[in-house]
């Protein structure tokens, strides 16, 4: 799908979508209880993948608009040969692998080729140590064997999703476990989200800095949980304010634990001329920060290495697209430098790289210069109604998609 955005200013009030990170965690915890309710859920592709995988493992799922009743999942009793489809969701894949190693049965998790280009070495090493089958192909992984309690050591410079995945599963084992994170603990805020969510459902994790003590034999308790607004996606709405808009955001929790809450401080820093930012604990803010830096005179970003293994190589992708606006970007191993310059309207179609955050970041800049973006359907991964939301704020949008070989064009403005 192609989206064409004409120069236009955003103004008005908008409710931010529910947090995808929190919804993943709440749905898993709720499914592992006897009967829980998770409210304020947005059915993005990633959340749909988690729901489908929970069903595949045996959880009861009842969907009612933006509310889900769930429970009854016994991860120790899963049919042999169960197959789970994770689509393109890294959270789903990495959260579920440890749960799939509780029954001792053969379970296959599949998804897009790009998803399985992202590393799984942490789990592969654990399986090797414990004698658990771990067979990986270009678009699937099969595990068979029982996870054991004990001591786990995980480097802190890998995705926090590995640590969260273990924290969901280890409390259910009979043995106690200790999980130690070594080195620089990047994305630690995401572990705070996991530990907080586990506590909401009665699971106790004792933390002493980078060491997590996990009692075995615990049970997930029933709960009614309401998902809070998403700071990651709020940044793409609040970004219009840096571009001269007047947008009021509703639905954000003031005392949220979401690491991406720092976007507002970073935005303020950009406005005040700050030129150095660390993305180690908030890599998902990379695309929107690069876009805003391009507009506001440039900046340098450290902690960017993991951007290479997201839905796209986000550092390289943004450098390629910013060049179409006349902005030079230098990508190094763990640093990205966006140089200041005069932005011009792109004279060619912008490429969305099948990455929701790239598409949304480019949409912000197109509201200044105008431009057309392909792969725009990628927003459905986390923010399905993104274009409807920004159109309601006054952004002038036309999108075109092929349906049964007929090119259909629809204009969204002031819905």
Protein backbone atom coordinates (compact mmCIF):
# COMPACT_ATOMS: atom_id res chain seq x y z
CA UNK A 1 0.00 0.00 0.00
CA UNK A 2 1.22 3.49 -0.92
CA UNK A 3 0.42 6.52 1.22
CA UNK A 4 0.79 10.08 -0.02
CA UNK A 5 0.94 12.79 2.62
CA UNK A 6 0.71 16.46 1.67
CA UNK A 7 2.16 19.31 3.76
CA UNK A 8 -0.30 19.82 6.60
CA UNK A 9 -0.34 20.61 10.30
CA UNK A 10 -1.71 18.37 13.06
CA UNK A 11 -3.99 19.82 15.71
CA UNK A 12 -6.50 18.41 18.16
CA UNK A 13 -6.79 15.74 20.84
CA UNK A 14 -6.05 12.07 20.27
CA UNK A 15 -6.03 8.96 22.46
CA UNK A 16 -2.83 6.94 22.20
CA UNK A 17 -3.21 3.23 21.43
CA UNK A 18 -2.82 0.62 24.19
CA UNK A 19 0.70 -0.55 24.95
CA UNK A 20 1.73 -3.50 22.81
CA UNK A 21 4.50 -4.42 25.27
CA UNK A 22 2.09 -4.48 28.20
CA UNK A 23 -0.61 -6.34 26.28
CA UNK A 24 1.76 -9.18 25.30
CA UNK A 25 2.73 -9.63 28.94
CA UNK A 26 -0.79 -9.32 30.36
CA UNK A 27 -2.24 -11.82 27.89
CA UNK A 28 0.43 -14.41 28.68
CA UNK A 29 0.02 -13.98 32.44
CA UNK A 30 -3.76 -14.03 32.15
CA UNK A 31 -3.72 -17.18 30.03
CA UNK A 32 -1.56 -18.92 32.64
CA UNK A 33 -4.11 -18.11 35.35
CA UNK A 34 -7.41 -19.93 35.80
CA UNK A 35 -9.55 -17.04 34.57
CA UNK A 36 -8.55 -13.44 33.95
CA UNK A 37 -9.65 -10.45 31.92
CA UNK A 38 -7.37 -8.17 29.93
CA UNK A 39 -9.00 -4.92 28.90
CA UNK A 40 -8.12 -2.13 26.46
CA UNK A 41 -6.42 -4.38 23.93
CA UNK A 42 -5.64 -3.20 20.37
CA UNK A 43 -5.58 -6.03 17.84
CA UNK A 44 -2.34 -5.28 16.02
CA UNK A 45 -0.66 -8.08 14.08
CA UNK A 46 1.83 -8.71 16.90
CA UNK A 47 -0.91 -9.01 19.52
CA UNK A 48 -2.93 -11.23 17.19
CA UNK A 49 0.12 -13.52 16.94
CA UNK A 50 0.33 -13.81 20.73
CA UNK A 51 -3.40 -14.54 20.99
CA UNK A 52 -3.16 -17.24 18.32
CA UNK A 53 -0.15 -18.85 20.02
CA UNK A 54 -1.93 -18.88 23.38
CA UNK A 55 -4.87 -20.63 21.73
CA UNK A 56 -2.44 -23.05 20.13
CA UNK A 57 -1.03 -24.01 23.52
CA UNK A 58 -4.51 -24.59 24.93
CA UNK A 59 -5.57 -21.30 26.52
CA UNK A 60 -9.21 -20.30 26.49
CA UNK A 61 -9.70 -17.00 24.67
CA UNK A 62 -12.92 -14.99 24.49
CA UNK A 63 -12.68 -11.69 22.63
CA UNK A 64 -15.22 -8.93 23.20
CA UNK A 65 -14.33 -5.73 21.33
CA UNK A 66 -11.21 -4.49 23.16
CA UNK A 67 -11.52 -6.94 26.08
CA UNK A 68 -10.24 -10.52 26.31
CA UNK A 69 -11.21 -13.17 28.82
CA UNK A 70 -8.50 -15.80 29.05
CA UNK A 71 -7.12 -18.56 31.27
CA UNK A 72 -6.73 -22.28 31.65
CA UNK A 73 -3.38 -22.68 29.91
CA UNK A 74 -1.38 -25.62 31.31
CA UNK A 75 2.03 -25.41 29.61
CA UNK A 76 2.99 -28.81 31.06
CA UNK A 77 0.25 -30.51 29.04
CA UNK A 78 0.58 -29.51 25.39
CA UNK A 79 -0.10 -31.98 22.56
CA UNK A 80 2.88 -33.49 20.77
CA UNK A 81 3.56 -31.75 17.48
CA UNK A 82 1.84 -28.47 18.37
CA UNK A 83 2.62 -25.73 15.83
CA UNK A 84 2.55 -22.02 16.67
CA UNK A 85 2.71 -19.19 14.14
CA UNK A 86 4.42 -16.04 15.43
CA UNK A 87 4.12 -14.07 12.17
CA UNK A 88 6.67 -11.23 12.51
CA UNK A 89 6.46 -10.77 16.28
CA UNK A 90 9.81 -11.05 18.05
CA UNK A 91 8.14 -10.68 21.44
CA UNK A 92 5.80 -13.58 20.72
CA UNK A 93 8.59 -15.88 19.57
CA UNK A 94 11.00 -15.14 22.41
CA UNK A 95 8.34 -15.06 25.13
CA UNK A 96 6.90 -18.42 24.08
CA UNK A 97 10.01 -20.55 23.55
CA UNK A 98 10.62 -21.16 27.30
CA UNK A 99 6.92 -21.92 27.84
CA UNK A 100 7.21 -24.47 25.02
CA UNK A 101 10.02 -26.18 26.93
CA UNK A 102 7.86 -27.08 29.94
CA UNK A 103 5.84 -30.00 28.56
CA UNK A 104 8.72 -32.02 27.15
CA UNK A 105 6.74 -32.40 23.91
CA UNK A 106 7.89 -31.42 20.42
CA UNK A 107 6.58 -27.95 19.55
CA UNK A 108 7.37 -25.88 16.45
CA UNK A 109 7.22 -22.09 16.33
CA UNK A 110 7.24 -20.54 12.87
CA UNK A 111 7.09 -17.08 11.35
CA UNK A 112 8.52 -14.82 8.67
CA UNK A 113 12.04 -15.33 7.35
CA UNK A 114 13.04 -11.91 8.74
CA UNK A 115 11.88 -12.91 12.22
CA UNK A 116 14.24 -15.87 12.22
CA UNK A 117 17.14 -13.75 11.05
CA UNK A 118 16.97 -12.20 14.51
CA UNK A 119 19.16 -14.03 17.05
CA UNK A 120 17.99 -16.91 19.24
CA UNK A 121 21.43 -17.94 20.46
CA UNK A 122 20.60 -17.49 24.15
CA UNK A 123 17.90 -20.17 23.99
CA UNK A 124 19.96 -22.37 21.71
CA UNK A 125 22.80 -22.38 24.27
CA UNK A 126 20.40 -23.18 27.14
CA UNK A 127 18.94 -26.09 25.16
CA UNK A 128 22.40 -27.44 24.41
CA UNK A 129 23.37 -27.29 28.11
CA UNK A 130 20.17 -29.03 29.22
CA UNK A 131 19.92 -31.62 26.45
CA UNK A 132 16.82 -30.08 24.89
CA UNK A 133 16.23 -30.38 21.16
CA UNK A 134 16.61 -27.04 19.35
CA UNK A 135 16.27 -27.22 15.57
CA UNK A 136 16.21 -23.94 13.65
CA UNK A 137 15.36 -23.39 9.99
CA UNK A 138 15.03 -20.19 7.98
CA UNK A 139 11.47 -19.67 9.24
CA UNK A 140 10.93 -21.93 12.27
CA UNK A 141 12.39 -23.42 15.40
CA UNK A 142 11.44 -26.75 16.96
CA UNK A 143 12.06 -27.54 20.63
CA UNK A 144 11.55 -30.77 22.54
CA UNK A 145 12.60 -31.34 26.13
CA UNK A 146 11.96 -30.11 29.64
CA UNK A 147 13.42 -26.90 30.98
CA UNK A 148 15.13 -27.29 34.37
CA UNK A 149 15.42 -24.90 37.27
CA UNK A 150 18.84 -23.73 38.38
CA UNK A 151 21.32 -21.02 37.55
CA UNK A 152 20.95 -19.02 34.34
CA UNK A 153 23.47 -16.47 33.12
CA UNK A 154 22.41 -14.10 30.34
CA UNK A 155 24.48 -11.23 28.89
CA UNK A 156 22.86 -7.85 29.29
CA UNK A 157 23.59 -6.63 25.77
CA UNK A 158 21.09 -9.01 24.12
CA UNK A 159 17.37 -8.48 23.71
CA UNK A 160 15.54 -8.26 27.02
CA UNK A 161 12.90 -10.55 25.47
CA UNK A 162 15.07 -13.58 26.30
CA UNK A 163 15.10 -12.63 29.97
CA UNK A 164 11.36 -11.94 30.01
CA UNK A 165 10.68 -15.29 28.35
CA UNK A 166 12.57 -17.11 31.08
CA UNK A 167 10.83 -15.08 33.80
CA UNK A 168 7.41 -16.22 32.52
CA UNK A 169 8.38 -19.91 32.63
CA UNK A 170 10.83 -20.43 35.51
CA UNK A 171 8.36 -19.69 38.37
CA UNK A 172 6.25 -22.65 37.19
CA UNK A 173 9.05 -25.18 37.70
CA UNK A 174 9.28 -27.04 40.98
CA UNK A 175 12.93 -26.02 41.49
CA UNK A 176 14.10 -22.53 42.41
CA UNK A 177 16.14 -20.60 39.86
CA UNK A 178 18.59 -17.71 39.81
CA UNK A 179 18.93 -15.60 36.68
CA UNK A 180 22.00 -13.37 36.51
CA UNK A 181 22.39 -10.64 33.89
CA UNK A 182 26.05 -9.89 33.16
CA UNK A 183 27.72 -6.85 31.65
CA UNK A 184 25.86 -3.73 30.56
CA UNK A 185 22.14 -4.33 31.15
CA UNK A 186 20.52 -2.77 28.07
CA UNK A 187 16.72 -2.43 27.77
CA UNK A 188 16.45 -3.07 31.51
CA UNK A 189 13.21 -1.08 31.58
CA UNK A 190 11.49 -3.85 29.62
CA UNK A 191 12.39 -6.29 32.40
CA UNK A 192 10.83 -3.87 34.87
CA UNK A 193 7.62 -4.18 32.82
CA UNK A 194 7.78 -7.97 32.96
CA UNK A 195 8.47 -8.15 36.70
CA UNK A 196 5.69 -5.65 37.36
CA UNK A 197 3.21 -7.61 35.24
CA UNK A 198 4.15 -10.91 36.90
CA UNK A 199 3.47 -9.25 40.26
CA UNK A 200 0.01 -8.19 39.04
CA UNK A 201 -0.76 -11.89 38.51
CA UNK A 202 0.72 -13.12 41.80
CA UNK A 203 4.20 -14.18 40.66
CA UNK A 204 7.00 -13.00 42.95
CA UNK A 205 10.44 -12.25 41.53
CA UNK A 206 13.08 -11.06 43.99
CA UNK A 207 15.58 -8.76 42.34
CA UNK A 208 18.96 -7.66 43.65
CA UNK A 209 20.31 -5.33 40.97
CA UNK A 210 21.07 -7.66 38.03
CA UNK A 211 20.30 -10.92 39.86
CA UNK A 212 16.78 -12.34 39.85
CA UNK A 213 15.77 -14.95 42.46
CA UNK A 214 12.81 -17.02 41.26
CA UNK A 215 10.99 -19.36 43.62
CA UNK A 216 9.65 -22.48 41.98
CA UNK A 217 6.16 -23.91 42.39
CA UNK A 218 4.37 -20.59 41.91
CA UNK A 219 0.94 -20.17 40.33
CA UNK A 220 -0.49 -17.34 38.26
CA UNK A 221 -3.44 -15.71 40.03
CA UNK A 222 -6.60 -14.39 38.41
CA UNK A 223 -6.74 -10.69 37.68
CA UNK A 224 -8.61 -8.04 35.73
CA UNK A 225 -5.99 -5.88 34.08
CA UNK A 226 -6.40 -2.75 31.95
CA UNK A 227 -3.62 -2.07 29.43
CA UNK A 228 -2.21 1.44 29.63
CA UNK A 229 -1.35 3.72 26.70
CA UNK A 230 1.73 3.01 24.59
CA UNK A 231 4.66 5.42 24.99
CA UNK A 232 6.43 3.96 21.94
CA UNK A 233 3.59 4.85 19.60
CA UNK A 234 2.74 8.06 21.48
CA UNK A 235 6.10 9.41 20.30
CA UNK A 236 4.90 9.30 16.68
CA UNK A 237 1.84 11.37 17.60
CA UNK A 238 3.66 13.79 19.89
CA UNK A 239 6.29 14.25 17.17
CA UNK A 240 3.82 16.45 15.29
CA UNK A 241 4.21 19.00 18.08
CA UNK A 242 7.91 19.33 17.29
CA UNK A 243 6.88 20.07 13.71
CA UNK A 244 4.65 22.97 14.70
CA UNK A 245 1.47 21.07 15.48
CA UNK A 246 -0.86 21.43 18.45
CA UNK A 247 -1.68 17.89 19.49
CA UNK A 248 -2.96 16.83 22.92
CA UNK A 249 -2.31 13.19 23.84
CA UNK A 250 -4.73 11.33 26.10
CA UNK A 251 -4.39 7.90 27.68
CA UNK A 252 -0.79 7.92 28.91
CA UNK A 253 -0.08 6.80 32.46
CA UNK A 254 1.98 9.40 34.30
CA UNK A 255 3.90 6.89 36.45
CA UNK A 256 4.44 4.32 33.69
CA UNK A 257 7.41 1.95 33.80
CA UNK A 258 7.69 1.90 30.02
CA UNK A 259 11.25 2.72 29.02
CA UNK A 260 10.07 4.66 25.98
CA UNK A 261 8.51 7.25 28.30
CA UNK A 262 11.87 9.06 27.90
CA UNK A 263 10.82 10.16 24.42
CA UNK A 264 9.31 13.36 25.84
CA UNK A 265 12.56 14.28 27.59
CA UNK A 266 14.51 13.53 24.42
CA UNK A 267 12.12 15.64 22.35
CA UNK A 268 12.61 18.50 24.80
CA UNK A 269 16.36 18.07 24.53
CA UNK A 270 16.23 18.24 20.73
CA UNK A 271 14.17 21.43 20.90
CA UNK A 272 16.74 22.98 23.25
CA UNK A 273 19.67 22.08 21.00
CA UNK A 274 20.90 18.94 22.74
CA UNK A 275 23.04 16.88 20.36
CA UNK A 276 23.87 13.61 22.18
CA UNK A 277 21.39 10.85 23.01
CA UNK A 278 21.71 7.26 24.23
CA UNK A 279 19.18 4.76 22.82
CA UNK A 280 20.51 1.67 24.67
CA UNK A 281 17.42 1.39 26.85
CA UNK A 282 14.91 2.59 24.25
CA UNK A 283 15.96 1.29 20.80
CA UNK A 284 12.39 1.47 19.46
CA UNK A 285 12.65 5.26 19.59
CA UNK A 286 15.46 5.19 17.03
CA UNK A 287 13.42 5.93 13.87
CA UNK A 288 11.34 8.75 15.34
CA UNK A 289 14.39 10.32 16.99
CA UNK A 290 16.35 10.22 13.73
CA UNK A 291 13.42 11.83 11.92
CA UNK A 292 13.04 14.59 14.51
CA UNK A 293 16.81 15.20 14.54
CA UNK A 294 16.75 15.57 10.75
CA UNK A 295 14.17 18.33 11.09
CA UNK A 296 15.75 20.04 14.12
CA UNK A 297 19.35 20.40 12.98
CA UNK A 298 20.92 17.00 13.60
CA UNK A 299 22.14 14.95 16.56
CA UNK A 300 24.30 11.92 17.43
CA UNK A 301 22.88 8.72 18.91
CA UNK A 302 24.73 5.97 20.76
CA UNK A 303 23.46 2.51 21.72
CA UNK A 304 22.17 1.82 18.20
CA UNK A 305 23.75 -1.59 17.47
CA UNK A 306 20.55 -3.55 18.09
CA UNK A 307 18.64 -1.49 15.54
CA UNK A 308 20.19 -3.74 12.89
CA UNK A 309 18.17 -6.74 14.09
CA UNK A 310 14.70 -5.23 14.30
CA UNK A 311 11.95 -5.60 11.68
CA UNK A 312 14.46 -3.97 9.34
CA UNK A 313 17.99 -2.69 9.77
CA UNK A 314 16.51 0.49 11.17
CA UNK A 315 19.69 2.56 11.22
CA UNK A 316 20.53 1.78 7.59
CA UNK A 317 16.88 2.09 6.52
CA UNK A 318 16.47 5.54 8.04
CA UNK A 319 19.81 6.69 6.58
CA UNK A 320 18.62 5.58 3.13
CA UNK A 321 15.27 7.36 3.45
CA UNK A 322 16.59 10.54 5.08
CA UNK A 323 18.95 10.92 2.11
CA UNK A 324 15.83 11.34 -0.06
CA UNK A 325 15.01 14.42 2.05
CA UNK A 326 18.55 15.74 1.51
CA UNK A 327 19.76 14.76 4.99
CA UNK A 328 23.09 12.98 5.41
CA UNK A 329 23.26 10.22 8.03
CA UNK A 330 26.35 8.31 9.14
CA UNK A 331 25.83 4.79 10.51
CA UNK A 332 28.59 3.27 12.63
CA UNK A 333 28.73 0.05 14.69
CA UNK A 334 26.94 1.46 17.74
CA UNK A 335 26.38 5.08 16.74
CA UNK A 336 24.20 6.99 14.29
CA UNK A 337 24.91 10.60 13.39
CA UNK A 338 22.17 12.61 11.70
CA UNK A 339 23.75 15.72 10.24
CA UNK A 340 22.00 19.04 10.07
CA UNK A 341 20.81 20.32 6.72
CA UNK A 342 17.91 21.76 4.79
CA UNK A 343 15.12 19.26 4.25
CA UNK A 344 13.69 19.07 0.75
CA UNK A 345 10.69 17.20 -0.63
CA UNK A 346 11.75 13.71 -1.75
CA UNK A 347 11.73 13.34 -5.53
CA UNK A 348 11.20 9.57 -5.33
CA UNK A 349 8.95 7.20 -3.42
CA UNK A 350 10.05 6.57 0.16
CA UNK A 351 10.50 2.92 1.12
CA UNK A 352 8.87 1.71 4.33
CA UNK A 353 11.13 -1.38 4.55
CA UNK A 354 8.14 -3.42 5.81
CA UNK A 355 8.75 -1.77 9.19
CA UNK A 356 5.97 -0.05 11.11
CA UNK A 357 8.26 2.38 12.90
CA UNK A 358 10.04 3.42 9.69
CA UNK A 359 6.69 4.15 8.01
CA UNK A 360 5.44 6.22 10.94
CA UNK A 361 8.71 8.17 11.22
CA UNK A 362 8.65 9.02 7.51
CA UNK A 363 4.99 10.07 7.80
CA UNK A 364 6.00 12.79 10.25
CA UNK A 365 8.53 14.26 7.84
CA UNK A 366 6.13 14.00 4.90
CA UNK A 367 3.70 16.24 6.77
CA UNK A 368 6.34 18.97 6.33
CA UNK A 369 7.64 18.34 2.81
CA UNK A 370 5.02 16.09 1.27
CA UNK A 371 5.89 12.64 -0.03
CA UNK A 372 4.75 9.13 -0.86
CA UNK A 373 5.62 6.05 1.22
CA UNK A 374 5.31 2.43 0.11
CA UNK A 375 4.89 -0.57 2.45
CA UNK A 376 2.57 1.67 4.46
CA UNK A 377 0.50 -1.34 5.52
CA UNK A 378 3.36 -2.20 7.89
CA UNK A 379 1.76 0.06 10.53
CA UNK A 380 -0.70 -2.79 11.21
CA UNK A 381 2.06 -4.54 13.14
CA UNK A 382 1.63 -2.22 16.11
CA UNK A 383 -0.69 0.71 15.24
CA UNK A 384 -3.35 -0.40 12.72
CA UNK A 385 -5.30 2.87 12.75
CA UNK A 386 -2.28 5.19 12.67
CA UNK A 387 -3.31 6.92 9.44
CA UNK A 388 -6.91 7.34 10.60
CA UNK A 389 -5.64 8.90 13.84
CA UNK A 390 -3.37 11.43 12.16
CA UNK A 391 -5.99 12.21 9.52
CA UNK A 392 -8.40 13.08 12.34
CA UNK A 393 -5.79 15.63 13.46
CA UNK A 394 -5.82 17.31 10.05
CA UNK A 395 -2.97 15.55 8.23
CA UNK A 396 -3.80 15.40 4.53
CA UNK A 397 -3.50 11.76 3.43
CA UNK A 398 -4.27 9.74 0.35
CA UNK A 399 -3.58 6.03 0.20
CA UNK A 400 -3.71 3.63 -2.70
CA UNK A 401 -3.78 -0.15 -2.60
CA UNK A 402 -4.37 -2.93 -5.09
CA UNK A 403 -7.47 -5.01 -4.53
CA UNK A 404 -8.36 -7.64 -7.09
CA UNK A 405 -5.94 -5.91 -9.51
CA UNK A 406 -7.87 -2.63 -9.34
CA UNK A 407 -5.98 0.35 -7.91
CA UNK A 408 -8.21 1.93 -5.31
CA UNK A 409 -7.51 5.38 -3.89
CA UNK A 410 -8.99 6.73 -0.70
CA UNK A 411 -8.47 10.14 0.84
CA UNK A 412 -8.37 10.61 4.58
CA UNK A 413 -8.78 14.08 5.96
CA UNK A 414 -10.50 15.43 9.04
CA UNK A 415 -12.36 12.17 9.70
